[in-house]
Amino acid sequence: LAVWADGREIVTVEGLERDGDVSSLQQAFMDHNAPQCGFCTPGQLMTATALLDRNSRPTAEEVREAMVGNLCRCSNYNAIVEAVLAAAGTSGSGGAA
């Protein structure tokens, strides 16, 4: 509900870039060909951003769990998970890449 946002900062996908540069997550999405048709990309990016804000070193399973509510009509889930892990600098096991 909109009332929950009262007095809070709202960030949209357009707010992820800084000084004209895409975020490391956005770059990882491009590097791993995660965006296909682009329909789900804003939701995927915002959900992944929230995950990485809470857990900077997620495992592949944690990424999958966090992204479960974002449906990709192109079924590009593996590339999306790989992109999030790359942005986090992990291999998927929670350790350093």
C-alpha atoms as a PDB file:
ATOM      1  CA  LEU A   1       0.000   0.000   0.000  1.00  0.00           C
ATOM      2  CA  ALA A   2       1.115   3.527  -0.740  1.00  0.00           C
ATOM      3  CA  VAL A   3       0.757   4.543   2.898  1.00  0.00           C
ATOM      4  CA  TRP A   4       3.619   2.172   3.760  1.00  0.00           C
ATOM      5  CA  ALA A   5       5.924   4.320   1.629  1.00  0.00           C
ATOM      6  CA  ASP A   6       5.076   7.537   3.466  1.00  0.00           C
ATOM      7  CA  GLY A   7       8.296   9.163   4.638  1.00  0.00           C
ATOM      8  CA  ARG A   8      10.509   6.517   3.043  1.00  0.00           C
ATOM      9  CA  GLU A   9      12.922   6.587   0.151  1.00  0.00           C
ATOM     10  CA  ILE A  10      11.641   4.938  -3.034  1.00  0.00           C
ATOM     11  CA  VAL A  11      14.189   3.643  -5.532  1.00  0.00           C
ATOM     12  CA  THR A  12      13.147   2.438  -8.961  1.00  0.00           C
ATOM     13  CA  VAL A  13      15.246   0.630 -11.531  1.00  0.00           C
ATOM     14  CA  GLU A  14      16.120   4.002 -13.059  1.00  0.00           C
ATOM     15  CA  GLY A  15      17.720   4.962  -9.742  1.00  0.00           C
ATOM     16  CA  LEU A  16      20.243   2.120  -9.770  1.00  0.00           C
ATOM     17  CA  GLU A  17      22.677   3.952 -12.039  1.00  0.00           C
ATOM     18  CA  ARG A  18      25.077   6.469 -10.560  1.00  0.00           C
ATOM     19  CA  ASP A  19      26.554   9.400 -12.472  1.00  0.00           C
ATOM     20  CA  GLY A  20      25.443   7.865 -15.762  1.00  0.00           C
ATOM     21  CA  ASP A  21      27.041   4.488 -15.061  1.00  0.00           C
ATOM     22  CA  VAL A  22      25.035   1.313 -14.619  1.00  0.00           C
ATOM     23  CA  SER A  23      25.328  -0.505 -11.301  1.00  0.00           C
ATOM     24  CA  SER A  24      27.504  -3.597 -10.967  1.00  0.00           C
ATOM     25  CA  LEU A  25      24.304  -5.662 -10.872  1.00  0.00           C
ATOM     26  CA  GLN A  26      23.011  -4.102 -14.091  1.00  0.00           C
ATOM     27  CA  GLN A  27      26.401  -4.736 -15.712  1.00  0.00           C
ATOM     28  CA  ALA A  28      26.375  -8.350 -14.529  1.00  0.00           C
ATOM     29  CA  PHE A  29      22.898  -8.790 -16.043  1.00  0.00           C
ATOM     30  CA  MET A  30      24.265  -7.574 -19.388  1.00  0.00           C
ATOM     31  CA  ASP A  31      27.462  -9.638 -19.110  1.00  0.00           C
ATOM     32  CA  HIS A  32      25.459 -12.827 -18.449  1.00  0.00           C
ATOM     33  CA  ASN A  33      22.751 -12.090 -21.029  1.00  0.00           C
ATOM     34  CA  ALA A  34      20.135 -12.181 -18.285  1.00  0.00           C
ATOM     35  CA  PRO A  35      17.741  -9.732 -19.975  1.00  0.00           C
ATOM     36  CA  GLN A  36      15.902 -11.399 -22.819  1.00  0.00           C
ATOM     37  CA  CYS A  37      12.653  -9.664 -23.770  1.00  0.00           C
ATOM     38  CA  GLY A  38      13.107  -7.209 -20.878  1.00  0.00           C
ATOM     39  CA  PHE A  39       9.607  -7.529 -19.459  1.00  0.00           C
ATOM     40  CA  CYS A  40      10.752  -8.921 -16.090  1.00  0.00           C
ATOM     41  CA  THR A  41      14.122  -7.154 -15.916  1.00  0.00           C
ATOM     42  CA  PRO A  42      13.116  -4.197 -13.695  1.00  0.00           C
ATOM     43  CA  GLY A  43      11.530  -6.517 -11.132  1.00  0.00           C
ATOM     44  CA  GLN A  44      14.461  -8.925 -11.280  1.00  0.00           C
ATOM     45  CA  LEU A  45      16.939  -6.074 -10.770  1.00  0.00           C
ATOM     46  CA  MET A  46      15.041  -4.522  -7.870  1.00  0.00           C
ATOM     47  CA  THR A  47      14.540  -7.877  -6.132  1.00  0.00           C
ATOM     48  CA  ALA A  48      18.208  -8.750  -6.608  1.00  0.00           C
ATOM     49  CA  THR A  49      19.230  -5.320  -5.295  1.00  0.00           C
ATOM     50  CA  ALA A  50      17.134  -5.857  -2.163  1.00  0.00           C
ATOM     51  CA  LEU A  51      18.670  -9.315  -1.701  1.00  0.00           C
ATOM     52  CA  LEU A  52      22.221  -7.996  -2.051  1.00  0.00           C
ATOM     53  CA  ASP A  53      21.446  -5.164   0.361  1.00  0.00           C
ATOM     54  CA  ARG A  54      20.425  -7.788   2.947  1.00  0.00           C
ATOM     55  CA  ASN A  55      22.977 -10.464   2.048  1.00  0.00           C
ATOM     56  CA  SER A  56      26.048  -9.365   0.121  1.00  0.00           C
ATOM     57  CA  ARG A  57      27.313 -12.940  -0.391  1.00  0.00           C
ATOM     58  CA  PRO A  58      24.278 -15.110  -1.220  1.00  0.00           C
ATOM     59  CA  THR A  59      24.440 -18.690  -2.376  1.00  0.00           C
ATOM     60  CA  ALA A  60      22.754 -19.777  -5.603  1.00  0.00           C
ATOM     61  CA  GLU A  61      19.928 -21.277  -3.551  1.00  0.00           C
ATOM     62  CA  GLU A  62      19.436 -18.010  -1.657  1.00  0.00           C
ATOM     63  CA  VAL A  63      19.263 -16.134  -4.956  1.00  0.00           C
ATOM     64  CA  ARG A  64      16.677 -18.586  -6.308  1.00  0.00           C
ATOM     65  CA  GLU A  65      14.603 -18.269  -3.124  1.00  0.00           C
ATOM     66  CA  ALA A  66      14.707 -14.468  -3.257  1.00  0.00           C
ATOM     67  CA  MET A  67      13.751 -14.348  -6.939  1.00  0.00           C
ATOM     68  CA  VAL A  68      10.895 -16.867  -6.748  1.00  0.00           C
ATOM     69  CA  GLY A  69       8.175 -14.221  -7.092  1.00  0.00           C
ATOM     70  CA  ASN A  70       9.611 -12.771 -10.314  1.00  0.00           C
ATOM     71  CA  LEU A  71       8.424 -14.705 -13.327  1.00  0.00           C
ATOM     72  CA  CYS A  72      10.478 -14.669 -16.515  1.00  0.00           C
ATOM     73  CA  ARG A  73       8.450 -15.499 -19.612  1.00  0.00           C
ATOM     74  CA  CYS A  74      11.693 -16.330 -21.445  1.00  0.00           C
ATOM     75  CA  SER A  75      12.725 -18.827 -18.731  1.00  0.00           C
ATOM     76  CA  ASN A  76      16.194 -17.332 -18.429  1.00  0.00           C
ATOM     77  CA  TYR A  77      16.474 -18.150 -14.731  1.00  0.00           C
ATOM     78  CA  ASN A  78      19.970 -19.658 -14.806  1.00  0.00           C
ATOM     79  CA  ALA A  79      21.464 -16.531 -16.387  1.00  0.00           C
ATOM     80  CA  ILE A  80      19.646 -14.341 -13.858  1.00  0.00           C
ATOM     81  CA  VAL A  81      21.040 -16.364 -10.937  1.00  0.00           C
ATOM     82  CA  GLU A  82      24.531 -16.313 -12.483  1.00  0.00           C
ATOM     83  CA  ALA A  83      24.324 -12.537 -12.916  1.00  0.00           C
ATOM     84  CA  VAL A  84      23.313 -11.952  -9.292  1.00  0.00           C
ATOM     85  CA  LEU A  85      26.114 -14.214  -8.074  1.00  0.00           C
ATOM     86  CA  ALA A  86      28.611 -12.407 -10.307  1.00  0.00           C
ATOM     87  CA  ALA A  87      27.512  -9.035  -8.961  1.00  0.00           C
ATOM     88  CA  ALA A  88      27.978 -10.402  -5.445  1.00  0.00           C
ATOM     89  CA  GLY A  89      31.378 -11.810  -6.355  1.00  0.00           C
ATOM     90  CA  THR A  90      30.410 -15.336  -5.348  1.00  0.00           C
ATOM     91  CA  SER A  91      30.506 -18.653  -7.127  1.00  0.00           C
ATOM     92  CA  GLY A  92      27.182 -19.727  -5.662  1.00  0.00           C
ATOM     93  CA  SER A  93      28.485 -21.601  -2.642  1.00  0.00           C
ATOM     94  CA  GLY A  94      28.743 -18.488  -0.506  1.00  0.00           C
ATOM     95  CA  GLY A  95      32.518 -18.343  -0.888  1.00  0.00           C
ATOM     96  CA  ALA A  96      34.644 -16.044  -2.948  1.00  0.00           C
ATOM     97  CA  ALA A  97      34.589 -16.580  -6.682  1.00  0.00           C
END
